Amino acid sequence: MNLRSGAELPEKCRELAKHFESQGTPVMIGGGVLAYTLLGVDYNEASGDCAFLILDPHYTGNDDLKKIVNGGWCGWKKPVDSKGRSFFLKDKFYNLLLPQRPNMV
């Protein structure tokens, strides 16, 4: 999935939710900024609101879950936070890799 702008990512939340329902595989995000791993989405069909469960693969510390979560290395991210800042930048492109599980016969 190729996006010209981070502003397009919330529009893809329904499609990403379907990916997690049908495939269950993490989504790699890269492009004009640092890479992330998308572990899930919280999508509200009625309102269209969404949040992204993001894991930052650049963490290099110990396997200390409290440190990882409290340090913001893994957590739920809204497209726009309470201070009006966009998590996915409008002036950057993003490429998303959605791995598909093999179909078994």
C-alpha atoms as a PDB file:
ATOM      1  CA  MET A   1       0.000   0.000   0.000  1.00  0.00           C
ATOM      2  CA  ASN A   2       1.571   3.289  -1.097  1.00  0.00           C
ATOM      3  CA  LEU A   3       0.508   6.607   0.390  1.00  0.00           C
ATOM      4  CA  ARG A   4       1.680   9.988  -0.861  1.00  0.00           C
ATOM      5  CA  SER A   5       1.027  11.580   2.529  1.00  0.00           C
ATOM      6  CA  GLY A   6       0.627  10.541   6.139  1.00  0.00           C
ATOM      7  CA  ALA A   7      -2.721  12.323   6.047  1.00  0.00           C
ATOM      8  CA  GLU A   8      -4.019   9.411   3.918  1.00  0.00           C
ATOM      9  CA  LEU A   9      -3.334   6.758   6.562  1.00  0.00           C
ATOM     10  CA  PRO A  10      -6.520   7.240   8.646  1.00  0.00           C
ATOM     11  CA  GLU A  11      -8.512   6.732   5.425  1.00  0.00           C
ATOM     12  CA  LYS A  12      -6.958   3.248   5.180  1.00  0.00           C
ATOM     13  CA  CYS A  13      -7.915   2.175   8.709  1.00  0.00           C
ATOM     14  CA  ARG A  14     -10.881   0.037   7.573  1.00  0.00           C
ATOM     15  CA  GLU A  15      -8.687  -1.746   5.007  1.00  0.00           C
ATOM     16  CA  LEU A  16      -5.982  -2.305   7.631  1.00  0.00           C
ATOM     17  CA  ALA A  17      -8.537  -3.666  10.108  1.00  0.00           C
ATOM     18  CA  LYS A  18      -9.661  -6.183   7.471  1.00  0.00           C
ATOM     19  CA  HIS A  19      -6.012  -7.175   6.940  1.00  0.00           C
ATOM     20  CA  PHE A  20      -5.612  -7.942  10.647  1.00  0.00           C
ATOM     21  CA  GLU A  21      -8.891  -9.882  10.685  1.00  0.00           C
ATOM     22  CA  SER A  22      -8.052 -11.990   7.638  1.00  0.00           C
ATOM     23  CA  GLN A  23      -4.257 -12.294   7.816  1.00  0.00           C
ATOM     24  CA  GLY A  24      -3.265 -11.390  11.366  1.00  0.00           C
ATOM     25  CA  THR A  25       0.241 -10.413  10.299  1.00  0.00           C
ATOM     26  CA  PRO A  26       2.053  -7.243  11.388  1.00  0.00           C
ATOM     27  CA  VAL A  27       2.382  -4.442   8.848  1.00  0.00           C
ATOM     28  CA  MET A  28       5.750  -2.836   8.177  1.00  0.00           C
ATOM     29  CA  ILE A  29       5.653   0.919   7.577  1.00  0.00           C
ATOM     30  CA  GLY A  30       8.485   2.854   5.950  1.00  0.00           C
ATOM     31  CA  GLY A  31       9.059   5.632   3.479  1.00  0.00           C
ATOM     32  CA  GLY A  32      10.141   9.224   3.898  1.00  0.00           C
ATOM     33  CA  VAL A  33      10.593   8.866   7.677  1.00  0.00           C
ATOM     34  CA  LEU A  34      11.673   6.268  10.245  1.00  0.00           C
ATOM     35  CA  ALA A  35      10.195   2.780   9.976  1.00  0.00           C
ATOM     36  CA  TYR A  36       7.504   1.397  12.276  1.00  0.00           C
ATOM     37  CA  THR A  37       5.730  -1.907  12.782  1.00  0.00           C
ATOM     38  CA  LEU A  38       1.942  -1.785  12.931  1.00  0.00           C
ATOM     39  CA  LEU A  39       0.636  -4.496  15.261  1.00  0.00           C
ATOM     40  CA  GLY A  40      -3.058  -3.653  15.097  1.00  0.00           C
ATOM     41  CA  VAL A  41      -5.733  -1.025  14.602  1.00  0.00           C
ATOM     42  CA  ASP A  42      -8.723   0.025  16.664  1.00  0.00           C
ATOM     43  CA  TYR A  43     -11.358   1.042  14.130  1.00  0.00           C
ATOM     44  CA  ASN A  44     -14.837   2.287  15.004  1.00  0.00           C
ATOM     45  CA  GLU A  45     -17.157   1.535  12.059  1.00  0.00           C
ATOM     46  CA  ALA A  46     -19.826   3.961  13.294  1.00  0.00           C
ATOM     47  CA  SER A  47     -17.633   7.039  13.791  1.00  0.00           C
ATOM     48  CA  GLY A  48     -14.665   6.221  11.560  1.00  0.00           C
ATOM     49  CA  ASP A  49     -12.298   6.944  14.466  1.00  0.00           C
ATOM     50  CA  CYS A  50      -9.141   4.883  14.542  1.00  0.00           C
ATOM     51  CA  ALA A  51      -5.951   4.325  16.484  1.00  0.00           C
ATOM     52  CA  PHE A  52      -2.822   2.421  15.522  1.00  0.00           C
ATOM     53  CA  LEU A  53      -0.872  -0.003  17.732  1.00  0.00           C
ATOM     54  CA  ILE A  54       2.692   0.966  16.822  1.00  0.00           C
ATOM     55  CA  LEU A  55       5.924  -0.800  17.714  1.00  0.00           C
ATOM     56  CA  ASP A  56       9.087   1.184  17.069  1.00  0.00           C
ATOM     57  CA  PRO A  57      11.707  -1.344  15.866  1.00  0.00           C
ATOM     58  CA  HIS A  58      14.549   1.058  16.745  1.00  0.00           C
ATOM     59  CA  TYR A  59      14.403   0.171  20.472  1.00  0.00           C
ATOM     60  CA  THR A  60      17.704  -1.367  21.577  1.00  0.00           C
ATOM     61  CA  GLY A  61      17.352  -1.742  25.350  1.00  0.00           C
ATOM     62  CA  ASN A  62      16.593  -4.672  27.622  1.00  0.00           C
ATOM     63  CA  ASP A  63      13.363  -6.665  27.366  1.00  0.00           C
ATOM     64  CA  ASP A  64      11.783  -4.439  30.009  1.00  0.00           C
ATOM     65  CA  LEU A  65       8.104  -4.181  29.068  1.00  0.00           C
ATOM     66  CA  LYS A  66       7.455  -1.287  31.452  1.00  0.00           C
ATOM     67  CA  LYS A  67      10.334   0.710  29.958  1.00  0.00           C
ATOM     68  CA  ILE A  68       9.227  -0.093  26.392  1.00  0.00           C
ATOM     69  CA  VAL A  69       5.603   0.965  26.951  1.00  0.00           C
ATOM     70  CA  ASN A  70       6.318   3.971  29.200  1.00  0.00           C
ATOM     71  CA  GLY A  71       9.056   5.151  26.840  1.00  0.00           C
ATOM     72  CA  GLY A  72       6.617   5.263  23.928  1.00  0.00           C
ATOM     73  CA  TRP A  73       8.358   2.461  22.019  1.00  0.00           C
ATOM     74  CA  CYS A  74       5.099   0.514  21.801  1.00  0.00           C
ATOM     75  CA  GLY A  75       1.607   1.884  22.202  1.00  0.00           C
ATOM     76  CA  TRP A  76      -1.612   3.177  20.713  1.00  0.00           C
ATOM     77  CA  LYS A  77      -1.214   6.246  18.521  1.00  0.00           C
ATOM     78  CA  LYS A  78      -4.056   8.429  17.287  1.00  0.00           C
ATOM     79  CA  PRO A  79      -3.617  10.026  13.861  1.00  0.00           C
ATOM     80  CA  VAL A  80      -3.746  13.415  15.642  1.00  0.00           C
ATOM     81  CA  ASP A  81      -2.922  13.663  19.342  1.00  0.00           C
ATOM     82  CA  SER A  82      -4.616  15.850  21.974  1.00  0.00           C
ATOM     83  CA  LYS A  83      -2.196  18.700  21.169  1.00  0.00           C
ATOM     84  CA  GLY A  84      -3.089  18.656  17.466  1.00  0.00           C
ATOM     85  CA  ARG A  85       0.146  16.988  16.337  1.00  0.00           C
ATOM     86  CA  SER A  86      -0.079  14.414  13.542  1.00  0.00           C
ATOM     87  CA  PHE A  87       1.677  11.100  14.199  1.00  0.00           C
ATOM     88  CA  PHE A  88       1.955  10.394  10.468  1.00  0.00           C
ATOM     89  CA  LEU A  89       3.424  13.441   8.750  1.00  0.00           C
ATOM     90  CA  LYS A  90       1.430  15.102   5.986  1.00  0.00           C
ATOM     91  CA  ASP A  91       4.525  16.045   3.978  1.00  0.00           C
ATOM     92  CA  LYS A  92       6.031  12.516   3.939  1.00  0.00           C
ATOM     93  CA  PHE A  93       5.179   9.447   1.870  1.00  0.00           C
ATOM     94  CA  TYR A  94       4.582   6.028   3.439  1.00  0.00           C
ATOM     95  CA  ASN A  95       4.853   2.483   2.097  1.00  0.00           C
ATOM     96  CA  LEU A  96       3.056  -0.287   3.969  1.00  0.00           C
ATOM     97  CA  LEU A  97       3.896  -3.956   3.535  1.00  0.00           C
ATOM     98  CA  LEU A  98       0.948  -6.214   4.377  1.00  0.00           C
ATOM     99  CA  PRO A  99       2.289  -9.802   4.490  1.00  0.00           C
ATOM    100  CA  GLN A 100      -0.154 -12.444   3.313  1.00  0.00           C
ATOM    101  CA  ARG A 101      -0.338 -15.903   4.835  1.00  0.00           C
ATOM    102  CA  PRO A 102      -0.127 -18.727   2.305  1.00  0.00           C
ATOM    103  CA  ASN A 103      -3.406 -20.336   1.285  1.00  0.00           C
ATOM    104  CA  MET A 104      -3.417 -23.935   2.409  1.00  0.00           C
ATOM    105  CA  VAL A 105      -5.025 -26.572   0.192  1.00  0.00           C
END
